[in-house]
Amino acid sequence: MEKVKRNRAQTSQRIINALEEVIAEKGIDGIGINRISEKAGVSKVLIYRYFGGLDGLLSYYVKMGRLFPLLSPVTLEQLRPVHENDLAKLWYKQLVHSFRFFRQFPAAYQIVKATVTEDSPLADEVSKAFDEELTRLVEQLSFVKGADFKAISAIMAGAMANLTLLSKNNRTFVGIDLATEEGWQRIEEAVRVIYTGLNRMAVQSADVSLDLHSTGVPSRYW
């Protein structure tokens, strides 16, 4: 039984690796069961058996933790801010880290592209899974009550997604060259400034409460 589990895990990983390669090469609408099975060196029957088909495989890939971290209750407790002003650092760094990954990793970039700009059944499946994972992460890392953190996160993540797509077309936006590291340093610094301001407003608001860590031990996660 242990050998069977190990073999299944290894085969599943080969399928996932093949999926990533195909996404990077062809984009979401260029993938197919036959192409993935050929690249993975497995029967396409196994893909249906393990994942239920292409939709299930894509959903599994988006939700497996490569695009957004899977945070356990223990990790979340470690991330919980100690001081009022720690929230800005948590929000800023998570957003910056995520979109650095989306810019640098071809398969992840294609996932963002499909979510934002493409219209097809596969893109719809990817977009749904992407939104579920982003929503999960935002809810886990909010540590705030009384503020519409989802709407704020939608604006920030949506802006970063659009800028990420522009960067691959060697475009400028408001005069900022998004194809350069200098341009992205300016964007990331602006994200930090915005979240610092939002953190300050949350602290000063009578309607907003912060869920802080009770131990006083700062997180080293970030």
N, C-alpha and C. Protein backbone atom coordinates (compact mmCIF):
# COMPACT_ATOMS: atom_id res chain seq x y z
N MET A 1 0.83 -1.21 0.00
CA MET A 1 0.00 0.00 0.00
C MET A 1 0.86 1.26 0.00
N GLU A 2 1.92 1.23 0.80
CA GLU A 2 2.81 2.39 0.86
C GLU A 2 3.48 2.64 -0.50
N LYS A 3 3.85 1.55 -1.16
CA LYS A 3 4.47 1.66 -2.48
C LYS A 3 3.49 2.24 -3.49
N VAL A 4 2.24 1.82 -3.41
CA VAL A 4 1.21 2.33 -4.31
C VAL A 4 1.03 3.83 -4.12
N LYS A 5 0.97 4.27 -2.86
CA LYS A 5 0.82 5.70 -2.55
C LYS A 5 2.02 6.48 -3.07
N ARG A 6 3.21 5.90 -2.87
CA ARG A 6 4.43 6.59 -3.31
C ARG A 6 4.46 6.71 -4.83
N ASN A 7 4.08 5.64 -5.51
CA ASN A 7 4.05 5.66 -6.97
C ASN A 7 3.02 6.67 -7.50
N ARG A 8 1.87 6.72 -6.83
CA ARG A 8 0.85 7.67 -7.25
C ARG A 8 1.34 9.10 -7.05
N ALA A 9 1.99 9.35 -5.92
CA ALA A 9 2.50 10.70 -5.65
C ALA A 9 3.54 11.10 -6.69
N GLN A 10 4.43 10.17 -7.04
CA GLN A 10 5.46 10.45 -8.03
C GLN A 10 4.85 10.70 -9.41
N THR A 11 3.86 9.90 -9.78
CA THR A 11 3.20 10.07 -11.06
C THR A 11 2.44 11.39 -11.10
N SER A 12 1.75 11.73 -10.01
CA SER A 12 1.03 12.99 -9.93
C SER A 12 1.98 14.17 -10.10
N GLN A 13 3.16 14.06 -9.49
CA GLN A 13 4.13 15.14 -9.60
C GLN A 13 4.63 15.29 -11.03
N ARG A 14 4.83 14.18 -11.72
CA ARG A 14 5.23 14.24 -13.12
C ARG A 14 4.16 14.92 -13.97
N ILE A 15 2.91 14.64 -13.67
CA ILE A 15 1.81 15.27 -14.40
C ILE A 15 1.78 16.77 -14.14
N ILE A 16 1.96 17.15 -12.88
CA ILE A 16 1.97 18.57 -12.52
C ILE A 16 3.14 19.28 -13.20
N ASN A 17 4.31 18.65 -13.19
CA ASN A 17 5.48 19.25 -13.84
C ASN A 17 5.24 19.43 -15.33
N ALA A 18 4.61 18.43 -15.95
CA ALA A 18 4.31 18.51 -17.37
C ALA A 18 3.30 19.63 -17.63
N LEU A 19 2.29 19.74 -16.77
CA LEU A 19 1.30 20.81 -16.90
C LEU A 19 1.97 22.18 -16.85
N GLU A 20 2.87 22.36 -15.90
CA GLU A 20 3.57 23.64 -15.78
C GLU A 20 4.35 23.97 -17.05
N GLU A 21 5.02 22.98 -17.59
CA GLU A 21 5.80 23.20 -18.80
C GLU A 21 4.91 23.59 -19.98
N VAL A 22 3.78 22.92 -20.11
CA VAL A 22 2.87 23.20 -21.21
C VAL A 22 2.25 24.57 -21.05
N ILE A 23 1.85 24.93 -19.83
CA ILE A 23 1.28 26.26 -19.58
C ILE A 23 2.30 27.34 -19.95
N ALA A 24 3.55 27.15 -19.51
CA ALA A 24 4.60 28.13 -19.80
C ALA A 24 4.83 28.28 -21.30
N GLU A 25 4.74 27.17 -22.02
CA GLU A 25 5.02 27.18 -23.46
C GLU A 25 3.83 27.65 -24.29
N LYS A 26 2.63 27.21 -23.93
CA LYS A 26 1.46 27.39 -24.79
C LYS A 26 0.38 28.30 -24.22
N GLY A 27 0.47 28.63 -22.91
CA GLY A 27 -0.62 29.36 -22.29
C GLY A 27 -1.76 28.43 -21.93
N ILE A 28 -2.76 28.96 -21.23
CA ILE A 28 -3.87 28.13 -20.76
C ILE A 28 -4.63 27.48 -21.91
N ASP A 29 -4.94 28.24 -22.93
CA ASP A 29 -5.75 27.70 -24.01
C ASP A 29 -4.97 26.79 -24.95
N GLY A 30 -3.66 26.64 -24.71
CA GLY A 30 -2.86 25.75 -25.54
C GLY A 30 -2.61 24.39 -24.91
N ILE A 31 -3.15 24.18 -23.73
CA ILE A 31 -2.91 22.91 -23.05
C ILE A 31 -3.97 21.89 -23.44
N GLY A 32 -3.65 20.63 -23.26
CA GLY A 32 -4.59 19.56 -23.54
C GLY A 32 -4.12 18.28 -22.88
N ILE A 33 -5.03 17.38 -22.66
CA ILE A 33 -4.71 16.12 -21.99
C ILE A 33 -3.64 15.35 -22.76
N ASN A 34 -3.78 15.27 -24.07
CA ASN A 34 -2.81 14.51 -24.86
C ASN A 34 -1.41 15.10 -24.75
N ARG A 35 -1.32 16.41 -24.82
CA ARG A 35 -0.02 17.08 -24.75
C ARG A 35 0.62 16.86 -23.38
N ILE A 36 -0.16 16.96 -22.33
CA ILE A 36 0.36 16.80 -20.96
C ILE A 36 0.78 15.35 -20.73
N SER A 37 -0.05 14.40 -21.16
CA SER A 37 0.28 12.99 -20.94
C SER A 37 1.54 12.60 -21.69
N GLU A 38 1.71 13.13 -22.89
CA GLU A 38 2.91 12.84 -23.68
C GLU A 38 4.16 13.39 -23.00
N LYS A 39 4.07 14.62 -22.53
CA LYS A 39 5.22 15.24 -21.88
C LYS A 39 5.55 14.56 -20.54
N ALA A 40 4.51 14.12 -19.83
CA ALA A 40 4.72 13.46 -18.54
C ALA A 40 5.13 12.00 -18.70
N GLY A 41 4.88 11.43 -19.89
CA GLY A 41 5.20 10.03 -20.12
C GLY A 41 4.25 9.10 -19.40
N VAL A 42 2.97 9.51 -19.31
CA VAL A 42 1.97 8.68 -18.65
C VAL A 42 0.74 8.58 -19.54
N SER A 43 -0.09 7.60 -19.27
CA SER A 43 -1.33 7.47 -20.00
C SER A 43 -2.30 8.58 -19.60
N LYS A 44 -3.04 9.09 -20.57
CA LYS A 44 -4.00 10.14 -20.23
C LYS A 44 -5.11 9.60 -19.33
N VAL A 45 -5.28 8.29 -19.33
CA VAL A 45 -6.27 7.68 -18.43
C VAL A 45 -5.93 8.00 -16.98
N LEU A 46 -4.64 8.04 -16.66
CA LEU A 46 -4.21 8.35 -15.29
C LEU A 46 -4.58 9.77 -14.90
N ILE A 47 -4.49 10.69 -15.84
CA ILE A 47 -4.86 12.09 -15.55
C ILE A 47 -6.34 12.16 -15.17
N TYR A 48 -7.16 11.45 -15.91
CA TYR A 48 -8.60 11.43 -15.58
C TYR A 48 -8.84 10.73 -14.24
N ARG A 49 -8.08 9.65 -14.00
CA ARG A 49 -8.27 8.90 -12.77
C ARG A 49 -7.84 9.72 -11.55
N TYR A 50 -6.72 10.42 -11.66
CA TYR A 50 -6.18 11.16 -10.52
C TYR A 50 -6.87 12.51 -10.31
N PHE A 51 -7.23 13.19 -11.42
CA PHE A 51 -7.69 14.57 -11.31
C PHE A 51 -9.08 14.81 -11.89
N GLY A 52 -9.66 13.80 -12.52
CA GLY A 52 -11.00 13.95 -13.07
C GLY A 52 -11.05 14.66 -14.41
N GLY A 53 -9.90 14.96 -14.98
CA GLY A 53 -9.86 15.64 -16.28
C GLY A 53 -9.05 16.92 -16.21
N LEU A 54 -9.08 17.67 -17.29
CA LEU A 54 -8.25 18.88 -17.39
C LEU A 54 -8.69 19.96 -16.42
N ASP A 55 -10.00 20.16 -16.28
CA ASP A 55 -10.49 21.16 -15.33
C ASP A 55 -10.02 20.84 -13.91
N GLY A 56 -10.15 19.59 -13.52
CA GLY A 56 -9.73 19.19 -12.18
C GLY A 56 -8.24 19.33 -11.97
N LEU A 57 -7.46 19.03 -13.01
CA LEU A 57 -6.01 19.17 -12.92
C LEU A 57 -5.61 20.63 -12.75
N LEU A 58 -6.23 21.51 -13.52
CA LEU A 58 -5.93 22.94 -13.41
C LEU A 58 -6.31 23.49 -12.04
N SER A 59 -7.49 23.11 -11.57
CA SER A 59 -7.94 23.56 -10.26
C SER A 59 -6.99 23.08 -9.17
N TYR A 60 -6.59 21.82 -9.26
CA TYR A 60 -5.65 21.26 -8.28
C TYR A 60 -4.34 22.04 -8.31
N TYR A 61 -3.84 22.34 -9.49
CA TYR A 61 -2.57 23.05 -9.62
C TYR A 61 -2.63 24.42 -8.97
N VAL A 62 -3.70 25.16 -9.24
CA VAL A 62 -3.83 26.50 -8.68
C VAL A 62 -3.90 26.46 -7.16
N LYS A 63 -4.53 25.38 -6.62
CA LYS A 63 -4.79 25.31 -5.18
C LYS A 63 -3.73 24.53 -4.40
N MET A 64 -2.69 24.05 -5.05
CA MET A 64 -1.74 23.18 -4.36
C MET A 64 -0.68 23.94 -3.56
N GLY A 65 -0.66 25.27 -3.68
CA GLY A 65 0.25 26.05 -2.85
C GLY A 65 1.42 26.67 -3.57
N ARG A 66 1.53 26.48 -4.88
CA ARG A 66 2.62 27.11 -5.62
C ARG A 66 2.35 28.58 -5.90
N LEU A 67 1.11 28.93 -6.14
CA LEU A 67 0.77 30.31 -6.46
C LEU A 67 0.54 31.14 -5.21
N PHE A 68 -0.15 30.57 -4.25
CA PHE A 68 -0.40 31.23 -2.97
C PHE A 68 -0.06 30.26 -1.85
N PRO A 69 0.60 30.73 -0.80
CA PRO A 69 1.02 29.81 0.27
C PRO A 69 -0.16 29.18 0.99
N LEU A 70 0.00 27.92 1.36
CA LEU A 70 -0.98 27.23 2.19
C LEU A 70 -0.55 27.40 3.64
N LEU A 71 -1.29 28.21 4.37
CA LEU A 71 -0.88 28.59 5.73
C LEU A 71 -1.64 27.76 6.76
N SER A 72 -0.91 27.03 7.56
CA SER A 72 -1.51 26.24 8.63
C SER A 72 -1.92 27.15 9.79
N PRO A 73 -2.78 26.69 10.69
CA PRO A 73 -3.14 27.49 11.87
C PRO A 73 -1.92 27.92 12.69
N VAL A 74 -0.93 27.03 12.78
CA VAL A 74 0.30 27.37 13.53
C VAL A 74 1.04 28.52 12.85
N THR A 75 1.16 28.43 11.53
CA THR A 75 1.85 29.49 10.79
C THR A 75 1.09 30.80 10.88
N LEU A 76 -0.22 30.74 10.77
CA LEU A 76 -1.03 31.95 10.88
C LEU A 76 -0.86 32.62 12.24
N GLU A 77 -0.77 31.81 13.27
CA GLU A 77 -0.57 32.37 14.60
C GLU A 77 0.79 33.04 14.71
N GLN A 78 1.78 32.46 14.03
CA GLN A 78 3.10 33.07 14.00
C GLN A 78 3.10 34.39 13.24
N LEU A 79 2.23 34.48 12.22
CA LEU A 79 2.16 35.68 11.40
C LEU A 79 1.36 36.80 12.05
N ARG A 80 0.53 36.47 13.02
CA ARG A 80 -0.33 37.47 13.64
C ARG A 80 0.51 38.64 14.16
N PRO A 81 0.17 39.87 13.78
CA PRO A 81 0.98 41.04 14.18
C PRO A 81 1.03 41.21 15.69
N VAL A 82 2.17 41.69 16.15
CA VAL A 82 2.36 41.98 17.57
C VAL A 82 1.99 43.43 17.86
N HIS A 83 2.45 44.33 17.00
CA HIS A 83 2.23 45.76 17.18
C HIS A 83 1.25 46.27 16.13
N GLU A 84 0.60 47.37 16.41
CA GLU A 84 -0.42 47.92 15.53
C GLU A 84 0.09 48.20 14.13
N ASN A 85 1.33 48.67 14.04
CA ASN A 85 1.88 49.05 12.75
C ASN A 85 2.48 47.88 11.97
N ASP A 86 2.41 46.66 12.53
CA ASP A 86 2.97 45.50 11.83
C ASP A 86 2.11 45.04 10.66
N LEU A 87 0.83 45.45 10.64
CA LEU A 87 -0.06 45.00 9.58
C LEU A 87 0.42 45.43 8.21
N ALA A 88 0.91 46.67 8.11
CA ALA A 88 1.36 47.19 6.82
C ALA A 88 2.46 46.32 6.23
N LYS A 89 3.38 45.89 7.07
CA LYS A 89 4.49 45.05 6.60
C LYS A 89 3.97 43.72 6.09
N LEU A 90 3.03 43.14 6.80
CA LEU A 90 2.47 41.84 6.41
C LEU A 90 1.76 41.94 5.05
N TRP A 91 0.89 42.93 4.92
CA TRP A 91 0.12 43.11 3.69
C TRP A 91 1.04 43.43 2.51
N TYR A 92 1.94 44.36 2.73
CA TYR A 92 2.82 44.81 1.65
C TYR A 92 3.71 43.68 1.15
N LYS A 93 4.33 42.96 2.07
CA LYS A 93 5.27 41.92 1.66
C LYS A 93 4.58 40.76 0.96
N GLN A 94 3.39 40.39 1.41
CA GLN A 94 2.69 39.30 0.75
C GLN A 94 2.33 39.66 -0.68
N LEU A 95 1.83 40.87 -0.89
CA LEU A 95 1.45 41.29 -2.24
C LEU A 95 2.67 41.38 -3.14
N VAL A 96 3.73 41.97 -2.65
CA VAL A 96 4.96 42.12 -3.44
C VAL A 96 5.55 40.76 -3.78
N HIS A 97 5.64 39.86 -2.80
CA HIS A 97 6.20 38.52 -3.04
C HIS A 97 5.38 37.77 -4.08
N SER A 98 4.05 37.85 -3.97
CA SER A 98 3.18 37.13 -4.90
C SER A 98 3.41 37.59 -6.33
N PHE A 99 3.44 38.89 -6.55
CA PHE A 99 3.52 39.38 -7.91
C PHE A 99 4.94 39.37 -8.46
N ARG A 100 5.93 39.33 -7.62
CA ARG A 100 7.27 39.03 -8.11
C ARG A 100 7.30 37.63 -8.70
N PHE A 101 6.66 36.70 -8.00
CA PHE A 101 6.60 35.32 -8.48
C PHE A 101 5.83 35.24 -9.79
N PHE A 102 4.71 35.96 -9.89
CA PHE A 102 3.91 35.92 -11.11
C PHE A 102 4.67 36.52 -12.29
N ARG A 103 5.52 37.51 -12.06
CA ARG A 103 6.30 38.10 -13.14
C ARG A 103 7.44 37.18 -13.59
N GLN A 104 8.02 36.46 -12.64
CA GLN A 104 9.26 35.73 -12.92
C GLN A 104 9.03 34.29 -13.34
N PHE A 105 7.91 33.69 -12.95
CA PHE A 105 7.68 32.28 -13.22
C PHE A 105 6.69 32.16 -14.37
N PRO A 106 7.10 31.65 -15.54
CA PRO A 106 6.26 31.69 -16.74
C PRO A 106 4.88 31.07 -16.58
N ALA A 107 4.78 29.90 -15.93
CA ALA A 107 3.47 29.26 -15.77
C ALA A 107 2.55 30.11 -14.90
N ALA A 108 3.10 30.69 -13.83
CA ALA A 108 2.29 31.54 -12.95
C ALA A 108 1.82 32.78 -13.69
N TYR A 109 2.69 33.35 -14.52
CA TYR A 109 2.29 34.51 -15.32
C TYR A 109 1.12 34.17 -16.24
N GLN A 110 1.16 32.99 -16.86
CA GLN A 110 0.09 32.58 -17.75
C GLN A 110 -1.23 32.39 -17.00
N ILE A 111 -1.13 31.95 -15.75
CA ILE A 111 -2.34 31.83 -14.92
C ILE A 111 -2.96 33.20 -14.68
N VAL A 112 -2.13 34.19 -14.34
CA VAL A 112 -2.63 35.55 -14.14
C VAL A 112 -3.23 36.09 -15.43
N LYS A 113 -2.54 35.88 -16.52
CA LYS A 113 -3.02 36.35 -17.83
C LYS A 113 -4.39 35.76 -18.15
N ALA A 114 -4.54 34.46 -17.95
CA ALA A 114 -5.83 33.81 -18.23
C ALA A 114 -6.92 34.37 -17.33
N THR A 115 -6.59 34.62 -16.07
CA THR A 115 -7.56 35.14 -15.11
C THR A 115 -8.05 36.53 -15.49
N VAL A 116 -7.15 37.36 -16.00
CA VAL A 116 -7.47 38.77 -16.24
C VAL A 116 -8.01 39.02 -17.65
N THR A 117 -7.45 38.36 -18.66
CA THR A 117 -7.73 38.78 -20.03
C THR A 117 -8.39 37.74 -20.92
N GLU A 118 -8.36 36.46 -20.56
CA GLU A 118 -8.83 35.45 -21.50
C GLU A 118 -10.26 35.01 -21.21
N ASP A 119 -10.94 34.57 -22.26
CA ASP A 119 -12.34 34.17 -22.16
C ASP A 119 -12.51 32.81 -22.83
N SER A 120 -12.49 31.78 -22.02
CA SER A 120 -12.67 30.41 -22.51
C SER A 120 -13.07 29.56 -21.32
N PRO A 121 -13.59 28.36 -21.56
CA PRO A 121 -13.96 27.50 -20.43
C PRO A 121 -12.77 27.19 -19.51
N LEU A 122 -11.59 26.95 -20.08
CA LEU A 122 -10.42 26.67 -19.24
C LEU A 122 -10.02 27.91 -18.45
N ALA A 123 -10.06 29.08 -19.09
CA ALA A 123 -9.73 30.32 -18.39
C ALA A 123 -10.72 30.57 -17.26
N ASP A 124 -11.99 30.24 -17.49
CA ASP A 124 -13.00 30.40 -16.45
C ASP A 124 -12.68 29.50 -15.24
N GLU A 125 -12.26 28.28 -15.51
CA GLU A 125 -11.92 27.35 -14.43
C GLU A 125 -10.71 27.85 -13.64
N VAL A 126 -9.71 28.33 -14.36
CA VAL A 126 -8.51 28.86 -13.71
C VAL A 126 -8.86 30.10 -12.90
N SER A 127 -9.67 30.99 -13.48
CA SER A 127 -10.06 32.22 -12.79
C SER A 127 -10.82 31.92 -11.50
N LYS A 128 -11.71 30.96 -11.55
CA LYS A 128 -12.48 30.58 -10.36
C LYS A 128 -11.57 30.07 -9.26
N ALA A 129 -10.65 29.17 -9.61
CA ALA A 129 -9.73 28.61 -8.62
C ALA A 129 -8.79 29.69 -8.09
N PHE A 130 -8.31 30.55 -8.96
CA PHE A 130 -7.42 31.64 -8.57
C PHE A 130 -8.11 32.56 -7.57
N ASP A 131 -9.36 32.92 -7.87
CA ASP A 131 -10.10 33.83 -6.99
C ASP A 131 -10.35 33.18 -5.63
N GLU A 132 -10.66 31.90 -5.63
CA GLU A 132 -10.89 31.20 -4.35
C GLU A 132 -9.63 31.22 -3.49
N GLU A 133 -8.48 30.99 -4.12
CA GLU A 133 -7.23 30.97 -3.37
C GLU A 133 -6.83 32.36 -2.90
N LEU A 134 -7.02 33.35 -3.74
CA LEU A 134 -6.70 34.72 -3.33
C LEU A 134 -7.62 35.16 -2.20
N THR A 135 -8.89 34.82 -2.30
CA THR A 135 -9.85 35.16 -1.23
C THR A 135 -9.46 34.48 0.08
N ARG A 136 -9.09 33.21 -0.01
CA ARG A 136 -8.66 32.48 1.19
C ARG A 136 -7.47 33.17 1.85
N LEU A 137 -6.49 33.56 1.05
CA LEU A 137 -5.30 34.18 1.61
C LEU A 137 -5.62 35.54 2.23
N VAL A 138 -6.42 36.34 1.54
CA VAL A 138 -6.80 37.66 2.05
C VAL A 138 -7.54 37.53 3.38
N GLU A 139 -8.47 36.59 3.45
CA GLU A 139 -9.23 36.39 4.70
C GLU A 139 -8.32 35.93 5.83
N GLN A 140 -7.37 35.08 5.53
CA GLN A 140 -6.47 34.57 6.57
C GLN A 140 -5.54 35.66 7.09
N LEU A 141 -5.13 36.57 6.22
CA LEU A 141 -4.11 37.56 6.61
C LEU A 141 -4.69 38.93 6.95
N SER A 142 -6.00 39.06 7.03
CA SER A 142 -6.57 40.39 7.28
C SER A 142 -6.25 40.88 8.69
N PHE A 143 -6.54 40.05 9.70
CA PHE A 143 -6.34 40.41 11.11
C PHE A 143 -7.01 41.74 11.45
N VAL A 144 -8.12 42.05 10.76
CA VAL A 144 -8.82 43.31 10.94
C VAL A 144 -10.33 43.04 10.95
N LYS A 145 -11.03 43.77 11.79
CA LYS A 145 -12.48 43.72 11.79
C LYS A 145 -13.02 45.15 11.66
N GLY A 146 -14.12 45.29 10.90
CA GLY A 146 -14.75 46.59 10.75
C GLY A 146 -14.32 47.35 9.52
N ALA A 147 -13.49 46.74 8.65
CA ALA A 147 -13.04 47.38 7.42
C ALA A 147 -13.29 46.42 6.25
N ASP A 148 -13.56 46.98 5.08
CA ASP A 148 -13.80 46.15 3.90
C ASP A 148 -12.46 45.77 3.28
N PHE A 149 -11.76 44.86 3.94
CA PHE A 149 -10.42 44.49 3.49
C PHE A 149 -10.45 43.75 2.16
N LYS A 150 -11.57 43.09 1.84
CA LYS A 150 -11.66 42.39 0.55
C LYS A 150 -11.67 43.38 -0.61
N ALA A 151 -12.44 44.46 -0.48
CA ALA A 151 -12.50 45.46 -1.55
C ALA A 151 -11.13 46.12 -1.73
N ILE A 152 -10.48 46.42 -0.62
CA ILE A 152 -9.14 47.03 -0.70
C ILE A 152 -8.17 46.08 -1.38
N SER A 153 -8.22 44.81 -1.00
CA SER A 153 -7.33 43.81 -1.59
C SER A 153 -7.63 43.63 -3.07
N ALA A 154 -8.90 43.71 -3.46
CA ALA A 154 -9.26 43.58 -4.87
C ALA A 154 -8.63 44.70 -5.70
N ILE A 155 -8.67 45.90 -5.16
CA ILE A 155 -8.07 47.03 -5.87
C ILE A 155 -6.57 46.87 -6.00
N MET A 156 -5.92 46.51 -4.90
CA MET A 156 -4.46 46.39 -4.90
C MET A 156 -3.99 45.23 -5.78
N ALA A 157 -4.59 44.06 -5.61
CA ALA A 157 -4.18 42.89 -6.39
C ALA A 157 -4.55 43.07 -7.86
N GLY A 158 -5.70 43.69 -8.12
CA GLY A 158 -6.10 43.94 -9.51
C GLY A 158 -5.14 44.88 -10.21
N ALA A 159 -4.72 45.92 -9.52
CA ALA A 159 -3.75 46.85 -10.11
C ALA A 159 -2.42 46.15 -10.38
N MET A 160 -1.97 45.34 -9.45
CA MET A 160 -0.70 44.63 -9.63
C MET A 160 -0.80 43.63 -10.77
N ALA A 161 -1.94 42.97 -10.93
CA ALA A 161 -2.12 42.02 -12.02
C ALA A 161 -2.05 42.73 -13.37
N ASN A 162 -2.72 43.87 -13.48
CA ASN A 162 -2.71 44.62 -14.73
C ASN A 162 -1.30 45.11 -15.06
N LEU A 163 -0.59 45.61 -14.08
CA LEU A 163 0.78 46.08 -14.30
C LEU A 163 1.70 44.93 -14.68
N THR A 164 1.45 43.77 -14.10
CA THR A 164 2.24 42.58 -14.43
C THR A 164 2.07 42.21 -15.90
N LEU A 165 0.84 42.27 -16.39
CA LEU A 165 0.58 41.97 -17.80
C LEU A 165 1.23 43.01 -18.71
N LEU A 166 1.16 44.26 -18.33
CA LEU A 166 1.79 45.32 -19.12
C LEU A 166 3.30 45.15 -19.19
N SER A 167 3.89 44.66 -18.12
CA SER A 167 5.34 44.54 -18.07
C SER A 167 5.88 43.56 -19.11
N LYS A 168 5.08 42.54 -19.45
CA LYS A 168 5.52 41.54 -20.42
C LYS A 168 5.41 42.06 -21.86
N ASN A 169 4.71 43.18 -22.04
CA ASN A 169 4.59 43.79 -23.36
C ASN A 169 5.51 45.00 -23.52
N ASN A 170 6.45 45.11 -22.56
CA ASN A 170 7.43 46.21 -22.60
C ASN A 170 6.74 47.58 -22.66
N ARG A 171 5.68 47.71 -21.88
CA ARG A 171 4.93 48.96 -21.85
C ARG A 171 5.36 49.83 -20.67
N THR A 172 5.11 51.12 -20.83
CA THR A 172 5.22 52.04 -19.70
C THR A 172 3.82 52.37 -19.23
N PHE A 173 3.72 52.80 -17.97
CA PHE A 173 2.43 53.20 -17.42
C PHE A 173 2.67 54.38 -16.51
N VAL A 174 2.02 55.51 -16.81
CA VAL A 174 2.28 56.79 -16.14
C VAL A 174 3.79 57.08 -16.18
N GLY A 175 4.40 56.77 -17.30
CA GLY A 175 5.81 57.06 -17.48
C GLY A 175 6.78 56.12 -16.80
N ILE A 176 6.26 55.09 -16.12
CA ILE A 176 7.12 54.13 -15.42
C ILE A 176 7.38 52.94 -16.34
N ASP A 177 8.65 52.63 -16.55
CA ASP A 177 9.03 51.52 -17.42
C ASP A 177 8.86 50.21 -16.65
N LEU A 178 7.81 49.48 -16.97
CA LEU A 178 7.49 48.26 -16.23
C LEU A 178 8.34 47.07 -16.66
N ALA A 179 9.19 47.25 -17.67
CA ALA A 179 10.08 46.18 -18.11
C ALA A 179 11.40 46.21 -17.36
N THR A 180 11.57 47.18 -16.46
CA THR A 180 12.83 47.32 -15.74
C THR A 180 12.66 47.07 -14.25
N GLU A 181 13.73 46.66 -13.61
CA GLU A 181 13.71 46.46 -12.16
C GLU A 181 13.51 47.78 -11.43
N GLU A 182 14.07 48.84 -11.97
CA GLU A 182 13.90 50.16 -11.36
C GLU A 182 12.43 50.57 -11.34
N GLY A 183 11.74 50.29 -12.45
CA GLY A 183 10.32 50.60 -12.50
C GLY A 183 9.53 49.84 -11.45
N TRP A 184 9.85 48.56 -11.27
CA TRP A 184 9.13 47.76 -10.28
C TRP A 184 9.51 48.11 -8.85
N GLN A 185 10.70 48.60 -8.64
CA GLN A 185 11.05 49.08 -7.31
C GLN A 185 10.18 50.27 -6.93
N ARG A 186 9.89 51.12 -7.91
CA ARG A 186 9.01 52.27 -7.65
C ARG A 186 7.59 51.80 -7.34
N ILE A 187 7.11 50.81 -8.09
CA ILE A 187 5.77 50.28 -7.85
C ILE A 187 5.69 49.66 -6.46
N GLU A 188 6.68 48.85 -6.11
CA GLU A 188 6.67 48.17 -4.81
C GLU A 188 6.77 49.16 -3.66
N GLU A 189 7.54 50.23 -3.85
CA GLU A 189 7.61 51.25 -2.80
C GLU A 189 6.27 51.95 -2.65
N ALA A 190 5.57 52.18 -3.76
CA ALA A 190 4.25 52.80 -3.69
C ALA A 190 3.27 51.89 -2.96
N VAL A 191 3.35 50.58 -3.19
CA VAL A 191 2.51 49.63 -2.46
C VAL A 191 2.77 49.72 -0.96
N ARG A 192 4.03 49.82 -0.60
CA ARG A 192 4.38 49.94 0.82
C ARG A 192 3.78 51.21 1.42
N VAL A 193 3.88 52.32 0.70
CA VAL A 193 3.34 53.59 1.19
C VAL A 193 1.83 53.51 1.36
N ILE A 194 1.14 52.92 0.39
CA ILE A 194 -0.32 52.80 0.46
C ILE A 194 -0.75 51.97 1.67
N TYR A 195 -0.10 50.82 1.86
CA TYR A 195 -0.49 49.96 2.98
C TYR A 195 -0.11 50.57 4.32
N THR A 196 0.98 51.33 4.35
CA THR A 196 1.34 52.03 5.59
C THR A 196 0.26 53.05 5.96
N GLY A 197 -0.23 53.77 4.95
CA GLY A 197 -1.31 54.72 5.19
C GLY A 197 -2.60 54.04 5.62
N LEU A 198 -2.93 52.92 4.99
CA LEU A 198 -4.13 52.18 5.37
C LEU A 198 -4.02 51.63 6.79
N ASN A 199 -2.84 51.18 7.14
CA ASN A 199 -2.60 50.68 8.50
C ASN A 199 -2.81 51.80 9.52
N ARG A 200 -2.32 52.99 9.19
CA ARG A 200 -2.46 54.13 10.10
C ARG A 200 -3.93 54.51 10.26
N MET A 201 -4.66 54.49 9.15
CA MET A 201 -6.09 54.80 9.22
C MET A 201 -6.84 53.77 10.06
N ALA A 202 -6.47 52.50 9.91
CA ALA A 202 -7.14 51.44 10.68
C ALA A 202 -6.90 51.62 12.17
N VAL A 203 -5.68 51.99 12.54
CA VAL A 203 -5.34 52.18 13.95
C VAL A 203 -6.13 53.34 14.54
N GLN A 204 -6.31 54.39 13.75
CA GLN A 204 -6.96 55.60 14.25
C GLN A 204 -8.49 55.54 14.19
N SER A 205 -9.03 54.57 13.45
CA SER A 205 -10.48 54.50 13.28
C SER A 205 -11.15 53.87 14.49
N ALA A 206 -12.28 54.47 14.88
CA ALA A 206 -13.05 53.92 16.00
C ALA A 206 -13.87 52.70 15.57
N ASP A 207 -14.03 52.52 14.26
CA ASP A 207 -14.86 51.43 13.74
C ASP A 207 -14.06 50.16 13.44
N VAL A 208 -12.74 50.28 13.45
CA VAL A 208 -11.88 49.16 13.06
C VAL A 208 -11.13 48.63 14.28
N SER A 209 -11.10 47.33 14.41
CA SER A 209 -10.33 46.71 15.48
C SER A 209 -9.30 45.76 14.88
N LEU A 210 -8.14 45.65 15.52
CA LEU A 210 -7.04 44.83 15.05
C LEU A 210 -6.90 43.60 15.94
N ASP A 211 -6.70 42.47 15.32
CA ASP A 211 -6.53 41.20 16.03
C ASP A 211 -5.04 40.94 16.19
N LEU A 212 -4.47 41.40 17.29
CA LEU A 212 -3.02 41.34 17.48
C LEU A 212 -2.60 40.09 18.25
N HIS A 213 -1.33 39.75 18.14
CA HIS A 213 -0.75 38.61 18.84
C HIS A 213 -0.64 38.94 20.32
N SER A 214 -1.01 37.99 21.14
CA SER A 214 -1.03 38.25 22.59
C SER A 214 0.30 37.97 23.27
N THR A 215 1.22 37.27 22.59
CA THR A 215 2.46 36.87 23.25
C THR A 215 3.53 37.94 23.23
N GLY A 216 3.39 38.89 22.28
CA GLY A 216 4.43 39.92 22.17
C GLY A 216 5.68 39.43 21.48
N VAL A 217 5.62 38.27 20.87
CA VAL A 217 6.79 37.73 20.16
C VAL A 217 6.63 38.01 18.67
N PRO A 218 7.49 38.83 18.06
CA PRO A 218 7.33 39.18 16.65
C PRO A 218 7.59 38.00 15.73
N SER A 219 6.88 37.98 14.62
CA SER A 219 7.07 36.91 13.64
C SER A 219 8.36 37.07 12.86
N ARG A 220 8.98 35.95 12.54
CA ARG A 220 10.15 35.96 11.67
C ARG A 220 9.82 35.41 10.29
N TYR A 221 8.54 35.19 10.05
CA TYR A 221 8.12 34.55 8.79
C TYR A 221 8.51 35.37 7.57
N TRP A 222 8.28 36.67 7.68
CA TRP A 222 8.57 37.54 6.53
C TRP A 222 9.99 38.06 6.59
